Amino acid sequence: MLQQGRRSDPYPHTWEIPVGIAAATVLLAVLGVQVGRGLANWSAGRGWTWPTGKSLFSSLPGVLAGNAGAGLTSSGEWASPTLLTVWLVIVELLIAAALVAAITWGMRRWGPQRMKGMASAEQAETTLGLTRLRKVRRIIRPDLYGPGHTPTHQHGGHDGYHPTA
């Protein structure tokens, strides 16, 4: 079967995989907001902060509004809204880059446009590469590398066909 024939018969899509990916993305975004807040408070000299229990999600509106102490039990000076915003942007951009890289890798590996039935570079080298050819050279060219045969070193070390001889 040709490669094009395998590509034009896609796997039927279901809703579970996209919903799972969306839920994981939302969870990563929420955790990214909390990590950004923790880094902002840490860089402001407050130490590492992390919300407890239900405040992991309920503190999101306050944190996104610029309150670095939203949902935390202790009081005091928190990171400024500017510092909080900088850390949130940095963390969320890193998460977005990691997600794009993971999705790109996943689509190349399992997506509808993946190459089917193709050997990896390592598999091709094992089967067809120079390492294997050198290993089986006595079978391929017994006249040059056979047991007890000493090739002459005329014409670049090869004693095969000589058109001028």
Protein backbone atom coordinates (compact mmCIF):
# COMPACT_ATOMS: atom_id res chain seq x y z
CA MET A 1 0.00 0.00 0.00
CA LEU A 2 1.36 3.42 -0.89
CA GLN A 3 2.09 6.08 1.70
CA GLN A 4 -0.65 8.33 0.30
CA GLY A 5 -3.24 5.57 0.74
CA ARG A 6 -2.34 5.22 4.39
CA ARG A 7 -2.60 8.96 4.92
CA SER A 8 -6.06 9.35 3.40
CA ASP A 9 -7.70 6.89 5.82
CA PRO A 10 -7.81 8.90 9.07
CA TYR A 11 -8.62 7.54 12.48
CA PRO A 12 -12.11 8.63 13.61
CA HIS A 13 -11.88 11.47 16.11
CA THR A 14 -13.67 11.32 19.43
CA TRP A 15 -14.29 13.99 22.04
CA GLU A 16 -12.35 12.46 24.97
CA ILE A 17 -8.85 13.30 23.78
CA PRO A 18 -9.50 17.00 23.01
CA VAL A 19 -11.38 17.44 26.32
CA GLY A 20 -8.52 15.81 28.20
CA ILE A 21 -6.00 18.07 26.48
CA ALA A 22 -8.14 21.15 27.23
CA ALA A 23 -8.51 20.17 30.90
CA ALA A 24 -4.77 19.58 31.24
CA THR A 25 -4.08 22.95 29.59
CA VAL A 26 -6.43 24.77 31.98
CA LEU A 27 -4.87 23.02 34.97
CA LEU A 28 -1.38 23.97 33.76
CA ALA A 29 -2.51 27.59 33.32
CA VAL A 30 -3.92 27.68 36.88
CA LEU A 31 -0.78 26.13 38.31
CA GLY A 32 1.28 28.57 36.23
CA VAL A 33 -0.55 31.51 37.82
CA GLN A 34 0.20 30.13 41.29
CA VAL A 35 3.85 29.45 40.42
CA GLY A 36 4.15 32.99 39.00
CA ARG A 37 2.67 34.40 42.21
CA GLY A 38 5.06 32.30 44.30
CA LEU A 39 8.05 33.50 42.27
CA ALA A 40 6.89 37.13 42.50
CA ASN A 41 6.56 36.94 46.29
CA TRP A 42 9.87 35.09 46.57
CA SER A 43 11.69 37.71 44.48
CA ALA A 44 10.07 40.47 46.59
CA GLY A 45 11.63 38.93 49.70
CA ARG A 46 8.50 37.26 51.12
CA GLY A 47 9.67 33.70 50.53
CA TRP A 48 7.88 31.01 48.60
CA THR A 49 4.09 31.19 48.91
CA TRP A 50 1.50 28.63 47.85
CA PRO A 51 -2.25 28.63 48.49
CA THR A 52 -3.87 25.83 50.45
CA GLY A 53 -6.83 23.68 49.44
CA LYS A 54 -9.74 25.42 47.76
CA SER A 55 -7.92 28.74 47.51
CA LEU A 56 -5.84 27.26 44.69
CA PHE A 57 -8.73 28.08 42.35
CA SER A 58 -10.68 30.70 44.34
CA SER A 59 -7.65 33.01 44.60
CA LEU A 60 -7.22 33.24 40.81
CA PRO A 61 -9.38 36.36 40.28
CA GLY A 62 -7.49 38.23 43.00
CA VAL A 63 -4.07 37.19 41.71
CA LEU A 64 -4.98 38.10 38.14
CA ALA A 65 -6.19 41.49 39.42
CA GLY A 66 -2.71 42.16 40.86
CA ASN A 67 -3.12 41.06 44.50
CA ALA A 68 -0.15 38.77 45.25
CA GLY A 69 -1.58 37.92 48.69
CA ALA A 70 -5.02 36.75 47.53
CA GLY A 71 -5.98 33.44 49.12
CA LEU A 72 -2.94 33.26 51.37
CA THR A 73 -3.34 32.89 55.12
CA SER A 74 -0.53 35.18 56.30
CA SER A 75 -0.56 38.97 55.99
CA GLY A 76 2.10 41.53 55.25
CA GLU A 77 3.85 43.10 52.28
CA TRP A 78 3.37 41.17 49.08
CA ALA A 79 4.92 41.58 45.65
CA SER A 80 3.87 44.66 43.72
CA PRO A 81 1.30 44.28 40.93
CA THR A 82 3.98 45.06 38.34
CA LEU A 83 6.36 42.39 39.64
CA LEU A 84 3.47 39.94 39.87
CA THR A 85 2.47 40.65 36.27
CA VAL A 86 6.04 40.19 35.02
CA TRP A 87 6.36 36.80 36.74
CA LEU A 88 2.93 35.68 35.56
CA VAL A 89 3.77 36.53 31.95
CA ILE A 90 7.16 34.77 32.15
CA VAL A 91 5.74 31.59 33.67
CA GLU A 92 2.73 31.44 31.34
CA LEU A 93 4.94 31.99 28.27
CA LEU A 94 7.20 29.15 29.37
CA ILE A 95 4.18 26.89 29.87
CA ALA A 96 2.78 27.89 26.47
CA ALA A 97 6.12 27.15 24.78
CA ALA A 98 6.29 23.75 26.48
CA LEU A 99 2.70 22.97 25.42
CA VAL A 100 3.39 23.93 21.80
CA ALA A 101 6.50 21.75 21.78
CA ALA A 102 4.60 18.81 23.33
CA ILE A 103 1.67 19.14 20.92
CA THR A 104 4.01 19.43 17.93
CA TRP A 105 5.91 16.33 19.01
CA GLY A 106 2.66 14.45 19.69
CA MET A 107 1.17 15.34 16.32
CA ARG A 108 4.33 14.25 14.52
CA ARG A 109 4.32 11.01 16.49
CA TRP A 110 0.60 10.12 16.58
CA GLY A 111 -1.23 12.72 14.45
CA PRO A 112 -3.06 12.10 11.18
CA GLN A 113 -0.13 13.36 9.06
CA ARG A 114 2.47 11.11 10.71
CA MET A 115 4.64 8.86 8.59
CA LYS A 116 3.40 5.31 8.87
CA GLY A 117 5.62 2.31 8.40
CA MET A 118 8.81 4.33 8.26
CA ALA A 119 11.99 3.26 10.03
CA SER A 120 13.74 5.65 12.36
CA ALA A 121 17.23 6.86 11.51
CA GLU A 122 18.71 4.45 14.06
CA GLN A 123 16.77 1.51 12.61
CA ALA A 124 17.89 2.39 9.07
CA GLU A 125 21.52 2.60 10.20
CA THR A 126 21.24 -0.78 11.94
CA THR A 127 19.80 -2.44 8.85
CA LEU A 128 21.39 -0.60 5.95
CA GLY A 129 24.20 1.55 7.32
CA LEU A 130 27.97 1.42 6.99
CA THR A 131 28.36 -0.39 10.28
CA ARG A 132 26.38 -3.39 9.02
CA LEU A 133 27.99 -3.27 5.58
CA ARG A 134 31.45 -3.41 7.15
CA LYS A 135 30.35 -6.27 9.40
CA VAL A 136 29.12 -8.42 6.48
CA ARG A 137 31.72 -7.36 3.91
CA ARG A 138 33.12 -10.91 3.71
CA ILE A 139 29.71 -12.11 2.51
CA ILE A 140 29.11 -9.20 0.13
CA ARG A 141 32.57 -9.21 -1.48
CA PRO A 142 34.29 -12.53 -0.73
CA ASP A 143 36.81 -11.76 -3.49
CA LEU A 144 38.07 -8.75 -1.54
CA TYR A 145 37.47 -9.72 2.08
CA GLY A 146 37.09 -13.50 2.07
CA PRO A 147 39.04 -15.76 4.44
CA GLY A 148 42.65 -16.20 3.41
CA HIS A 149 42.36 -13.65 0.61
CA THR A 150 44.91 -10.85 0.62
CA PRO A 151 43.87 -8.08 -1.74
CA THR A 152 46.50 -6.24 -3.73
CA HIS A 153 46.84 -2.60 -3.06
CA GLN A 154 47.11 -1.47 -6.66
CA HIS A 155 44.72 1.16 -7.90
CA GLY A 156 43.63 2.36 -4.46
CA GLY A 157 43.52 -1.03 -2.70
CA HIS A 158 40.97 -2.67 -4.97
CA ASP A 159 41.61 -5.72 -7.13
CA GLY A 160 38.27 -5.89 -8.91
CA TYR A 161 37.46 -4.88 -12.49
CA HIS A 162 40.20 -2.95 -14.31
CA PRO A 163 39.03 -1.55 -17.67
CA THR A 164 42.58 -0.77 -18.85
CA ALA A 165 44.05 -4.19 -18.02
